[in-house]
mmCIF file of all heavy atoms, coordinates in Angstrom:
data_MODEL
# 
_entry.id   MODEL 
# 
loop_
_atom_site.group_PDB 
_atom_site.id 
_atom_site.type_symbol 
_atom_site.label_atom_id 
_atom_site.label_alt_id 
_atom_site.label_comp_id 
_atom_site.label_asym_id 
_atom_site.label_entity_id 
_atom_site.label_seq_id 
_atom_site.pdbx_PDB_ins_code 
_atom_site.Cartn_x 
_atom_site.Cartn_y 
_atom_site.Cartn_z 
_atom_site.occupancy 
_atom_site.B_iso_or_equiv 
_atom_site.pdbx_formal_charge 
_atom_site.auth_seq_id 
_atom_site.auth_comp_id 
_atom_site.auth_asym_id 
_atom_site.auth_atom_id 
_atom_site.pdbx_PDB_model_num 
ATOM 1   N N   . ARG A 1 1  ? 78.290 -15.956 78.212 1.00 0.00 ? 1  ARG A N   1 
ATOM 2   C CA  . ARG A 1 1  ? 77.456 -16.969 78.843 1.00 0.00 ? 1  ARG A CA  1 
ATOM 3   C C   . ARG A 1 1  ? 78.339 -18.131 79.270 1.00 0.00 ? 1  ARG A C   1 
ATOM 4   O O   . ARG A 1 1  ? 79.311 -18.450 78.631 1.00 0.00 ? 1  ARG A O   1 
ATOM 5   C CB  . ARG A 1 1  ? 76.401 -17.443 77.855 1.00 0.00 ? 1  ARG A CB  1 
ATOM 6   C CG  . ARG A 1 1  ? 75.556 -18.571 78.380 1.00 0.00 ? 1  ARG A CG  1 
ATOM 7   C CD  . ARG A 1 1  ? 74.108 -18.389 78.024 1.00 0.00 ? 1  ARG A CD  1 
ATOM 8   N NE  . ARG A 1 1  ? 73.348 -19.540 78.417 1.00 0.00 ? 1  ARG A NE  1 
ATOM 9   C CZ  . ARG A 1 1  ? 72.596 -19.604 79.491 1.00 0.00 ? 1  ARG A CZ  1 
ATOM 10  N NH1 . ARG A 1 1  ? 72.493 -18.559 80.282 1.00 0.00 ? 1  ARG A NH1 1 
ATOM 11  N NH2 . ARG A 1 1  ? 71.923 -20.677 79.777 1.00 0.00 ? 1  ARG A NH2 1 
ATOM 12  N N   . MET A 1 2  ? 77.956 -18.766 80.352 1.00 0.00 ? 2  MET A N   1 
ATOM 13  C CA  . MET A 1 2  ? 78.682 -19.922 80.854 1.00 0.00 ? 2  MET A CA  1 
ATOM 14  C C   . MET A 1 2  ? 77.755 -21.120 80.901 1.00 0.00 ? 2  MET A C   1 
ATOM 15  O O   . MET A 1 2  ? 76.621 -21.016 81.353 1.00 0.00 ? 2  MET A O   1 
ATOM 16  C CB  . MET A 1 2  ? 79.248 -19.656 82.229 1.00 0.00 ? 2  MET A CB  1 
ATOM 17  C CG  . MET A 1 2  ? 80.004 -20.823 82.784 1.00 0.00 ? 2  MET A CG  1 
ATOM 18  S SD  . MET A 1 2  ? 81.136 -20.233 84.014 1.00 0.00 ? 2  MET A SD  1 
ATOM 19  C CE  . MET A 1 2  ? 81.890 -21.738 84.488 1.00 0.00 ? 2  MET A CE  1 
ATOM 20  N N   . TYR A 1 3  ? 78.256 -22.242 80.429 1.00 0.00 ? 3  TYR A N   1 
ATOM 21  C CA  . TYR A 1 3  ? 77.530 -23.500 80.503 1.00 0.00 ? 3  TYR A CA  1 
ATOM 22  C C   . TYR A 1 3  ? 78.330 -24.451 81.375 1.00 0.00 ? 3  TYR A C   1 
ATOM 23  O O   . TYR A 1 3  ? 79.556 -24.374 81.416 1.00 0.00 ? 3  TYR A O   1 
ATOM 24  C CB  . TYR A 1 3  ? 77.377 -24.121 79.109 1.00 0.00 ? 3  TYR A CB  1 
ATOM 25  C CG  . TYR A 1 3  ? 76.584 -23.273 78.156 1.00 0.00 ? 3  TYR A CG  1 
ATOM 26  C CD1 . TYR A 1 3  ? 77.220 -22.448 77.236 1.00 0.00 ? 3  TYR A CD1 1 
ATOM 27  C CD2 . TYR A 1 3  ? 75.198 -23.283 78.180 1.00 0.00 ? 3  TYR A CD2 1 
ATOM 28  C CE1 . TYR A 1 3  ? 76.498 -21.669 76.355 1.00 0.00 ? 3  TYR A CE1 1 
ATOM 29  C CE2 . TYR A 1 3  ? 74.465 -22.496 77.294 1.00 0.00 ? 3  TYR A CE2 1 
ATOM 30  C CZ  . TYR A 1 3  ? 75.127 -21.699 76.396 1.00 0.00 ? 3  TYR A CZ  1 
ATOM 31  O OH  . TYR A 1 3  ? 74.405 -20.924 75.529 1.00 0.00 ? 3  TYR A OH  1 
ATOM 32  N N   . TYR A 1 4  ? 77.665 -25.338 82.044 1.00 0.00 ? 4  TYR A N   1 
ATOM 33  C CA  . TYR A 1 4  ? 78.361 -26.389 82.776 1.00 0.00 ? 4  TYR A CA  1 
ATOM 34  C C   . TYR A 1 4  ? 77.608 -27.694 82.580 1.00 0.00 ? 4  TYR A C   1 
ATOM 35  O O   . TYR A 1 4  ? 76.391 -27.719 82.468 1.00 0.00 ? 4  TYR A O   1 
ATOM 36  C CB  . TYR A 1 4  ? 78.538 -26.046 84.258 1.00 0.00 ? 4  TYR A CB  1 
ATOM 37  C CG  . TYR A 1 4  ? 77.249 -25.962 85.032 1.00 0.00 ? 4  TYR A CG  1 
ATOM 38  C CD1 . TYR A 1 4  ? 76.781 -27.074 85.726 1.00 0.00 ? 4  TYR A CD1 1 
ATOM 39  C CD2 . TYR A 1 4  ? 76.507 -24.805 85.071 1.00 0.00 ? 4  TYR A CD2 1 
ATOM 40  C CE1 . TYR A 1 4  ? 75.584 -27.010 86.437 1.00 0.00 ? 4  TYR A CE1 1 
ATOM 41  C CE2 . TYR A 1 4  ? 75.321 -24.735 85.776 1.00 0.00 ? 4  TYR A CE2 1 
ATOM 42  C CZ  . TYR A 1 4  ? 74.872 -25.843 86.455 1.00 0.00 ? 4  TYR A CZ  1 
ATOM 43  O OH  . TYR A 1 4  ? 73.699 -25.785 87.141 1.00 0.00 ? 4  TYR A OH  1 
ATOM 44  N N   . THR A 1 5  ? 78.373 -28.759 82.494 1.00 0.00 ? 5  THR A N   1 
ATOM 45  C CA  . THR A 1 5  ? 77.765 -30.059 82.261 1.00 0.00 ? 5  THR A CA  1 
ATOM 46  C C   . THR A 1 5  ? 77.277 -30.644 83.575 1.00 0.00 ? 5  THR A C   1 
ATOM 47  O O   . THR A 1 5  ? 77.871 -30.428 84.629 1.00 0.00 ? 5  THR A O   1 
ATOM 48  C CB  . THR A 1 5  ? 78.771 -31.014 81.598 1.00 0.00 ? 5  THR A CB  1 
ATOM 49  O OG1 . THR A 1 5  ? 79.935 -31.115 82.403 1.00 0.00 ? 5  THR A OG1 1 
ATOM 50  C CG2 . THR A 1 5  ? 79.146 -30.518 80.216 1.00 0.00 ? 5  THR A CG2 1 
ATOM 51  N N   . THR A 1 6  ? 76.185 -31.371 83.488 1.00 0.00 ? 6  THR A N   1 
ATOM 52  C CA  . THR A 1 6  ? 75.593 -31.981 84.667 1.00 0.00 ? 6  THR A CA  1 
ATOM 53  C C   . THR A 1 6  ? 74.979 -33.318 84.277 1.00 0.00 ? 6  THR A C   1 
ATOM 54  O O   . THR A 1 6  ? 74.727 -33.574 83.098 1.00 0.00 ? 6  THR A O   1 
ATOM 55  C CB  . THR A 1 6  ? 74.529 -31.042 85.298 1.00 0.00 ? 6  THR A CB  1 
ATOM 56  O OG1 . THR A 1 6  ? 74.052 -31.614 86.512 1.00 0.00 ? 6  THR A OG1 1 
ATOM 57  C CG2 . THR A 1 6  ? 73.372 -30.790 84.356 1.00 0.00 ? 6  THR A CG2 1 
ATOM 58  N N   . LEU A 1 7  ? 74.737 -34.150 85.248 1.00 0.00 ? 7  LEU A N   1 
ATOM 59  C CA  . LEU A 1 7  ? 74.093 -35.431 84.980 1.00 0.00 ? 7  LEU A CA  1 
ATOM 60  C C   . LEU A 1 7  ? 72.669 -35.201 84.489 1.00 0.00 ? 7  LEU A C   1 
ATOM 61  O O   . LEU A 1 7  ? 71.975 -34.314 84.982 1.00 0.00 ? 7  LEU A O   1 
ATOM 62  C CB  . LEU A 1 7  ? 74.060 -36.295 86.244 1.00 0.00 ? 7  LEU A CB  1 
ATOM 63  C CG  . LEU A 1 7  ? 75.398 -36.758 86.785 1.00 0.00 ? 7  LEU A CG  1 
ATOM 64  C CD1 . LEU A 1 7  ? 75.210 -37.486 88.108 1.00 0.00 ? 7  LEU A CD1 1 
ATOM 65  C CD2 . LEU A 1 7  ? 76.091 -37.661 85.779 1.00 0.00 ? 7  LEU A CD2 1 
ATOM 66  N N   . GLU A 1 8  ? 72.256 -36.007 83.559 1.00 0.00 ? 8  GLU A N   1 
ATOM 67  C CA  . GLU A 1 8  ? 70.902 -35.907 83.022 1.00 0.00 ? 8  GLU A CA  1 
ATOM 68  C C   . GLU A 1 8  ? 69.862 -36.120 84.127 1.00 0.00 ? 8  GLU A C   1 
ATOM 69  O O   . GLU A 1 8  ? 68.812 -35.489 84.130 1.00 0.00 ? 8  GLU A O   1 
ATOM 70  C CB  . GLU A 1 8  ? 70.740 -36.957 81.920 1.00 0.00 ? 8  GLU A CB  1 
ATOM 71  C CG  . GLU A 1 8  ? 69.665 -36.658 80.930 1.00 0.00 ? 8  GLU A CG  1 
ATOM 72  C CD  . GLU A 1 8  ? 69.731 -37.585 79.736 1.00 0.00 ? 8  GLU A CD  1 
ATOM 73  O OE1 . GLU A 1 8  ? 69.989 -38.793 79.906 1.00 0.00 ? 8  GLU A OE1 1 
ATOM 74  O OE2 . GLU A 1 8  ? 69.525 -37.083 78.614 1.00 0.00 ? 8  GLU A OE2 1 
ATOM 75  N N   . SER A 1 9  ? 70.203 -36.957 85.104 1.00 0.00 ? 9  SER A N   1 
ATOM 76  C CA  . SER A 1 9  ? 69.268 -37.237 86.208 1.00 0.00 ? 9  SER A CA  1 
ATOM 77  C C   . SER A 1 9  ? 69.015 -36.011 87.086 1.00 0.00 ? 9  SER A C   1 
ATOM 78  O O   . SER A 1 9  ? 67.975 -35.916 87.733 1.00 0.00 ? 9  SER A O   1 
ATOM 79  C CB  . SER A 1 9  ? 69.785 -38.398 87.058 1.00 0.00 ? 9  SER A CB  1 
ATOM 80  O OG  . SER A 1 9  ? 71.037 -38.070 87.622 1.00 0.00 ? 9  SER A OG  1 
ATOM 81  N N   . ASN A 1 10 ? 69.949 -35.060 87.101 1.00 0.00 ? 10 ASN A N   1 
ATOM 82  C CA  . ASN A 1 10 ? 69.754 -33.839 87.899 1.00 0.00 ? 10 ASN A CA  1 
ATOM 83  C C   . ASN A 1 10 ? 68.579 -33.006 87.384 1.00 0.00 ? 10 ASN A C   1 
ATOM 84  O O   . ASN A 1 10 ? 67.991 -32.233 88.131 1.00 0.00 ? 10 ASN A O   1 
ATOM 85  C CB  . ASN A 1 10 ? 71.018 -32.983 87.909 1.00 0.00 ? 10 ASN A CB  1 
ATOM 86  C CG  . ASN A 1 10 ? 72.113 -33.593 88.743 1.00 0.00 ? 10 ASN A CG  1 
ATOM 87  O OD1 . ASN A 1 10 ? 71.878 -34.470 89.569 1.00 0.00 ? 10 ASN A OD1 1 
ATOM 88  N ND2 . ASN A 1 10 ? 73.327 -33.150 88.532 1.00 0.00 ? 10 ASN A ND2 1 
ATOM 89  N N   . LEU A 1 11 ? 68.261 -33.159 86.112 1.00 0.00 ? 11 LEU A N   1 
ATOM 90  C CA  . LEU A 1 11 ? 67.142 -32.404 85.549 1.00 0.00 ? 11 LEU A CA  1 
ATOM 91  C C   . LEU A 1 11 ? 65.795 -33.032 85.908 1.00 0.00 ? 11 LEU A C   1 
ATOM 92  O O   . LEU A 1 11 ? 64.749 -32.519 85.519 1.00 0.00 ? 11 LEU A O   1 
ATOM 93  C CB  . LEU A 1 11 ? 67.292 -32.262 84.040 1.00 0.00 ? 11 LEU A CB  1 
ATOM 94  C CG  . LEU A 1 11 ? 68.512 -31.455 83.617 1.00 0.00 ? 11 LEU A CG  1 
ATOM 95  C CD1 . LEU A 1 11 ? 68.649 -31.443 82.114 1.00 0.00 ? 11 LEU A CD1 1 
ATOM 96  C CD2 . LEU A 1 11 ? 68.447 -30.041 84.142 1.00 0.00 ? 11 LEU A CD2 1 
ATOM 97  N N   . GLY A 1 12 ? 65.822 -34.112 86.655 1.00 0.00 ? 12 GLY A N   1 
ATOM 98  C CA  . GLY A 1 12 ? 64.591 -34.728 87.126 1.00 0.00 ? 12 GLY A CA  1 
ATOM 99  C C   . GLY A 1 12 ? 64.210 -34.250 88.519 1.00 0.00 ? 12 GLY A C   1 
ATOM 100 O O   . GLY A 1 12 ? 63.138 -34.590 89.024 1.00 0.00 ? 12 GLY A O   1 
ATOM 101 N N   . ILE A 1 13 ? 65.051 -33.459 89.151 1.00 0.00 ? 13 ILE A N   1 
ATOM 102 C CA  . ILE A 1 13 ? 64.765 -32.937 90.491 1.00 0.00 ? 13 ILE A CA  1 
ATOM 103 C C   . ILE A 1 13 ? 63.744 -31.815 90.343 1.00 0.00 ? 13 ILE A C   1 
ATOM 104 O O   . ILE A 1 13 ? 63.988 -30.843 89.624 1.00 0.00 ? 13 ILE A O   1 
ATOM 105 C CB  . ILE A 1 13 ? 66.057 -32.422 91.166 1.00 0.00 ? 13 ILE A CB  1 
ATOM 106 C CG1 . ILE A 1 13 ? 67.087 -33.545 91.248 1.00 0.00 ? 13 ILE A CG1 1 
ATOM 107 C CG2 . ILE A 1 13 ? 65.753 -31.869 92.543 1.00 0.00 ? 13 ILE A CG2 1 
ATOM 108 C CD1 . ILE A 1 13 ? 68.483 -33.081 91.648 1.00 0.00 ? 13 ILE A CD1 1 
ATOM 109 N N   . PRO A 1 14 ? 62.579 -31.928 91.014 1.00 0.00 ? 14 PRO A N   1 
ATOM 110 C CA  . PRO A 1 14 ? 61.455 -31.021 90.752 1.00 0.00 ? 14 PRO A CA  1 
ATOM 111 C C   . PRO A 1 14 ? 61.766 -29.524 90.674 1.00 0.00 ? 14 PRO A C   1 
ATOM 112 O O   . PRO A 1 14 ? 61.547 -28.915 89.657 1.00 0.00 ? 14 PRO A O   1 
ATOM 113 C CB  . PRO A 1 14 ? 60.488 -31.329 91.893 1.00 0.00 ? 14 PRO A CB  1 
ATOM 114 C CG  . PRO A 1 14 ? 60.779 -32.736 92.238 1.00 0.00 ? 14 PRO A CG  1 
ATOM 115 C CD  . PRO A 1 14 ? 62.250 -32.926 92.005 1.00 0.00 ? 14 PRO A CD  1 
ATOM 116 N N   . ILE A 1 15 ? 62.262 -28.910 91.694 1.00 0.00 ? 15 ILE A N   1 
ATOM 117 C CA  . ILE A 1 15 ? 62.476 -27.455 91.661 1.00 0.00 ? 15 ILE A CA  1 
ATOM 118 C C   . ILE A 1 15 ? 63.863 -27.125 91.115 1.00 0.00 ? 15 ILE A C   1 
ATOM 119 O O   . ILE A 1 15 ? 64.034 -26.177 90.353 1.00 0.00 ? 15 ILE A O   1 
ATOM 120 C CB  . ILE A 1 15 ? 62.287 -26.848 93.068 1.00 0.00 ? 15 ILE A CB  1 
ATOM 121 C CG1 . ILE A 1 15 ? 60.838 -27.047 93.492 1.00 0.00 ? 15 ILE A CG1 1 
ATOM 122 C CG2 . ILE A 1 15 ? 62.673 -25.385 93.097 1.00 0.00 ? 15 ILE A CG2 1 
ATOM 123 C CD1 . ILE A 1 15 ? 60.547 -26.681 94.917 1.00 0.00 ? 15 ILE A CD1 1 
ATOM 124 N N   . ALA A 1 16 ? 64.831 -27.939 91.465 1.00 0.00 ? 16 ALA A N   1 
ATOM 125 C CA  . ALA A 1 16 ? 66.219 -27.675 91.079 1.00 0.00 ? 16 ALA A CA  1 
ATOM 126 C C   . ALA A 1 16 ? 66.421 -27.695 89.569 1.00 0.00 ? 16 ALA A C   1 
ATOM 127 O O   . ALA A 1 16 ? 67.278 -26.983 89.050 1.00 0.00 ? 16 ALA A O   1 
ATOM 128 C CB  . ALA A 1 16 ? 67.147 -28.681 91.742 1.00 0.00 ? 16 ALA A CB  1 
ATOM 129 N N   . ARG A 1 17 ? 65.637 -28.487 88.837 1.00 0.00 ? 17 ARG A N   1 
ATOM 130 C CA  . ARG A 1 17 ? 65.856 -28.586 87.383 1.00 0.00 ? 17 ARG A CA  1 
ATOM 131 C C   . ARG A 1 17 ? 65.720 -27.238 86.690 1.00 0.00 ? 17 ARG A C   1 
ATOM 132 O O   . ARG A 1 17 ? 66.439 -26.944 85.750 1.00 0.00 ? 17 ARG A O   1 
ATOM 133 C CB  . ARG A 1 17 ? 64.934 -29.619 86.762 1.00 0.00 ? 17 ARG A CB  1 
ATOM 134 C CG  . ARG A 1 17 ? 63.490 -29.207 86.708 1.00 0.00 ? 17 ARG A CG  1 
ATOM 135 C CD  . ARG A 1 17 ? 62.679 -30.236 85.935 1.00 0.00 ? 17 ARG A CD  1 
ATOM 136 N NE  . ARG A 1 17 ? 61.284 -30.128 86.325 1.00 0.00 ? 17 ARG A NE  1 
ATOM 137 C CZ  . ARG A 1 17 ? 60.544 -31.144 86.714 1.00 0.00 ? 17 ARG A CZ  1 
ATOM 138 N NH1 . ARG A 1 17 ? 61.042 -32.348 86.756 1.00 0.00 ? 17 ARG A NH1 1 
ATOM 139 N NH2 . ARG A 1 17 ? 59.302 -30.949 87.056 1.00 0.00 ? 17 ARG A NH2 1 
ATOM 140 N N   . HIS A 1 18 ? 64.814 -26.399 87.179 1.00 0.00 ? 18 HIS A N   1 
ATOM 141 C CA  . HIS A 1 18 ? 64.634 -25.073 86.570 1.00 0.00 ? 18 HIS A CA  1 
ATOM 142 C C   . HIS A 1 18 ? 65.839 -24.182 86.859 1.00 0.00 ? 18 HIS A C   1 
ATOM 143 O O   . HIS A 1 18 ? 66.292 -23.440 85.985 1.00 0.00 ? 18 HIS A O   1 
ATOM 144 C CB  . HIS A 1 18 ? 63.344 -24.424 87.074 1.00 0.00 ? 18 HIS A CB  1 
ATOM 145 C CG  . HIS A 1 18 ? 62.126 -25.245 86.777 1.00 0.00 ? 18 HIS A CG  1 
ATOM 146 N ND1 . HIS A 1 18 ? 61.684 -25.490 85.496 1.00 0.00 ? 18 HIS A ND1 1 
ATOM 147 C CD2 . HIS A 1 18 ? 61.271 -25.894 87.603 1.00 0.00 ? 18 HIS A CD2 1 
ATOM 148 C CE1 . HIS A 1 18 ? 60.600 -26.242 85.539 1.00 0.00 ? 18 HIS A CE1 1 
ATOM 149 N NE2 . HIS A 1 18 ? 60.337 -26.509 86.810 1.00 0.00 ? 18 HIS A NE2 1 
ATOM 150 N N   . LEU A 1 19 ? 66.361 -24.262 88.069 1.00 0.00 ? 19 LEU A N   1 
ATOM 151 C CA  . LEU A 1 19 ? 67.551 -23.481 88.430 1.00 0.00 ? 19 LEU A CA  1 
ATOM 152 C C   . LEU A 1 19 ? 68.779 -23.966 87.659 1.00 0.00 ? 19 LEU A C   1 
ATOM 153 O O   . LEU A 1 19 ? 69.591 -23.161 87.198 1.00 0.00 ? 19 LEU A O   1 
ATOM 154 C CB  . LEU A 1 19 ? 67.813 -23.571 89.932 1.00 0.00 ? 19 LEU A CB  1 
ATOM 155 C CG  . LEU A 1 19 ? 66.799 -22.862 90.818 1.00 0.00 ? 19 LEU A CG  1 
ATOM 156 C CD1 . LEU A 1 19 ? 67.058 -23.170 92.283 1.00 0.00 ? 19 LEU A CD1 1 
ATOM 157 C CD2 . LEU A 1 19 ? 66.853 -21.364 90.578 1.00 0.00 ? 19 LEU A CD2 1 
ATOM 158 N N   . ILE A 1 20 ? 68.904 -25.283 87.528 1.00 0.00 ? 20 ILE A N   1 
ATOM 159 C CA  . ILE A 1 20 ? 70.042 -25.852 86.797 1.00 0.00 ? 20 ILE A CA  1 
ATOM 160 C C   . ILE A 1 20 ? 70.049 -25.341 85.363 1.00 0.00 ? 20 ILE A C   1 
ATOM 161 O O   . ILE A 1 20 ? 71.070 -24.890 84.850 1.00 0.00 ? 20 ILE A O   1 
ATOM 162 C CB  . ILE A 1 20 ? 69.997 -27.391 86.847 1.00 0.00 ? 20 ILE A CB  1 
ATOM 163 C CG1 . ILE A 1 20 ? 70.298 -27.872 88.270 1.00 0.00 ? 20 ILE A CG1 1 
ATOM 164 C CG2 . ILE A 1 20 ? 70.977 -28.003 85.855 1.00 0.00 ? 20 ILE A CG2 1 
ATOM 165 C CD1 . ILE A 1 20 ? 70.040 -29.347 88.500 1.00 0.00 ? 20 ILE A CD1 1 
ATOM 166 N N   . ARG A 1 21 ? 68.909 -25.379 84.711 1.00 0.00 ? 21 ARG A N   1 
ATOM 167 C CA  . ARG A 1 21 ? 68.800 -24.885 83.327 1.00 0.00 ? 21 ARG A CA  1 
ATOM 168 C C   . ARG A 1 21 ? 69.050 -23.381 83.258 1.00 0.00 ? 21 ARG A C   1 
ATOM 169 O O   . ARG A 1 21 ? 69.754 -22.893 82.378 1.00 0.00 ? 21 ARG A O   1 
ATOM 170 C CB  . ARG A 1 21 ? 67.408 -25.191 82.762 1.00 0.00 ? 21 ARG A CB  1 
ATOM 171 C CG  . ARG A 1 21 ? 67.241 -26.602 82.328 1.00 0.00 ? 21 ARG A CG  1 
ATOM 172 C CD  . ARG A 1 21 ? 67.925 -26.780 81.008 1.00 0.00 ? 21 ARG A CD  1 
ATOM 173 N NE  . ARG A 1 21 ? 67.459 -28.012 80.410 1.00 0.00 ? 21 ARG A NE  1 
ATOM 174 C CZ  . ARG A 1 21 ? 68.045 -28.584 79.410 1.00 0.00 ? 21 ARG A CZ  1 
ATOM 175 N NH1 . ARG A 1 21 ? 69.104 -28.035 78.868 1.00 0.00 ? 21 ARG A NH1 1 
ATOM 176 N NH2 . ARG A 1 21 ? 67.606 -29.704 78.924 1.00 0.00 ? 21 ARG A NH2 1 
ATOM 177 N N   . TRP A 1 22 ? 68.467 -22.630 84.202 1.00 0.00 ? 22 TRP A N   1 
ATOM 178 C CA  . TRP A 1 22 ? 68.578 -21.179 84.202 1.00 0.00 ? 22 TRP A CA  1 
ATOM 179 C C   . TRP A 1 22 ? 70.032 -20.738 84.367 1.00 0.00 ? 22 TRP A C   1 
ATOM 180 O O   . TRP A 1 22 ? 70.476 -19.763 83.771 1.00 0.00 ? 22 TRP A O   1 
ATOM 181 C CB  . TRP A 1 22 ? 67.699 -20.605 85.303 1.00 0.00 ? 22 TRP A CB  1 
ATOM 182 C CG  . TRP A 1 22 ? 67.523 -19.126 85.201 1.00 0.00 ? 22 TRP A CG  1 
ATOM 183 C CD1 . TRP A 1 22 ? 66.833 -18.439 84.258 1.00 0.00 ? 22 TRP A CD1 1 
ATOM 184 C CD2 . TRP A 1 22 ? 68.064 -18.147 86.095 1.00 0.00 ? 22 TRP A CD2 1 
ATOM 185 N NE1 . TRP A 1 22 ? 66.909 -17.086 84.507 1.00 0.00 ? 22 TRP A NE1 1 
ATOM 186 C CE2 . TRP A 1 22 ? 67.654 -16.881 85.631 1.00 0.00 ? 22 TRP A CE2 1 
ATOM 187 C CE3 . TRP A 1 22 ? 68.839 -18.213 87.236 1.00 0.00 ? 22 TRP A CE3 1 
ATOM 188 C CZ2 . TRP A 1 22 ? 68.007 -15.710 86.270 1.00 0.00 ? 22 TRP A CZ2 1 
ATOM 189 C CZ3 . TRP A 1 22 ? 69.180 -17.036 87.869 1.00 0.00 ? 22 TRP A CZ3 1 
ATOM 190 C CH2 . TRP A 1 22 ? 68.758 -15.805 87.375 1.00 0.00 ? 22 TRP A CH2 1 
ATOM 191 N N   . PHE A 1 23 ? 70.799 -21.490 85.174 1.00 0.00 ? 23 PHE A N   1 
ATOM 192 C CA  . PHE A 1 23 ? 72.205 -21.147 85.407 1.00 0.00 ? 23 PHE A CA  1 
ATOM 193 C C   . PHE A 1 23 ? 73.148 -21.747 84.372 1.00 0.00 ? 23 PHE A C   1 
ATOM 194 O O   . PHE A 1 23 ? 74.357 -21.660 84.514 1.00 0.00 ? 23 PHE A O   1 
ATOM 195 C CB  . PHE A 1 23 ? 72.644 -21.573 86.814 1.00 0.00 ? 23 PHE A CB  1 
ATOM 196 C CG  . PHE A 1 23 ? 72.145 -20.660 87.893 1.00 0.00 ? 23 PHE A CG  1 
ATOM 197 C CD1 . PHE A 1 23 ? 71.242 -21.114 88.844 1.00 0.00 ? 23 PHE A CD1 1 
ATOM 198 C CD2 . PHE A 1 23 ? 72.557 -19.344 87.958 1.00 0.00 ? 23 PHE A CD2 1 
ATOM 199 C CE1 . PHE A 1 23 ? 70.776 -20.274 89.844 1.00 0.00 ? 23 PHE A CE1 1 
ATOM 200 C CE2 . PHE A 1 23 ? 72.102 -18.498 88.943 1.00 0.00 ? 23 PHE A CE2 1 
ATOM 201 C CZ  . PHE A 1 23 ? 71.204 -18.967 89.893 1.00 0.00 ? 23 PHE A CZ  1 
ATOM 202 N N   . GLY A 1 24 ? 72.617 -22.356 83.314 1.00 0.00 ? 24 GLY A N   1 
ATOM 203 C CA  . GLY A 1 24 ? 73.452 -22.834 82.213 1.00 0.00 ? 24 GLY A CA  1 
ATOM 204 C C   . GLY A 1 24 ? 73.785 -24.310 82.252 1.00 0.00 ? 24 GLY A C   1 
ATOM 205 O O   . GLY A 1 24 ? 74.694 -24.749 81.552 1.00 0.00 ? 24 GLY A O   1 
ATOM 206 N N   . GLY A 1 25 ? 73.080 -25.094 83.046 1.00 0.00 ? 25 GLY A N   1 
ATOM 207 C CA  . GLY A 1 25 ? 73.331 -26.530 83.109 1.00 0.00 ? 25 GLY A CA  1 
ATOM 208 C C   . GLY A 1 25 ? 72.933 -27.230 81.821 1.00 0.00 ? 25 GLY A C   1 
ATOM 209 O O   . GLY A 1 25 ? 71.854 -26.991 81.286 1.00 0.00 ? 25 GLY A O   1 
# 
């Protein structure tokens, strides 16, 4: 599995937050 760090604010983007989490954000 791969994880990558991202800004906490990116998880507030309506549709993208689910993709970010799904891809290991």
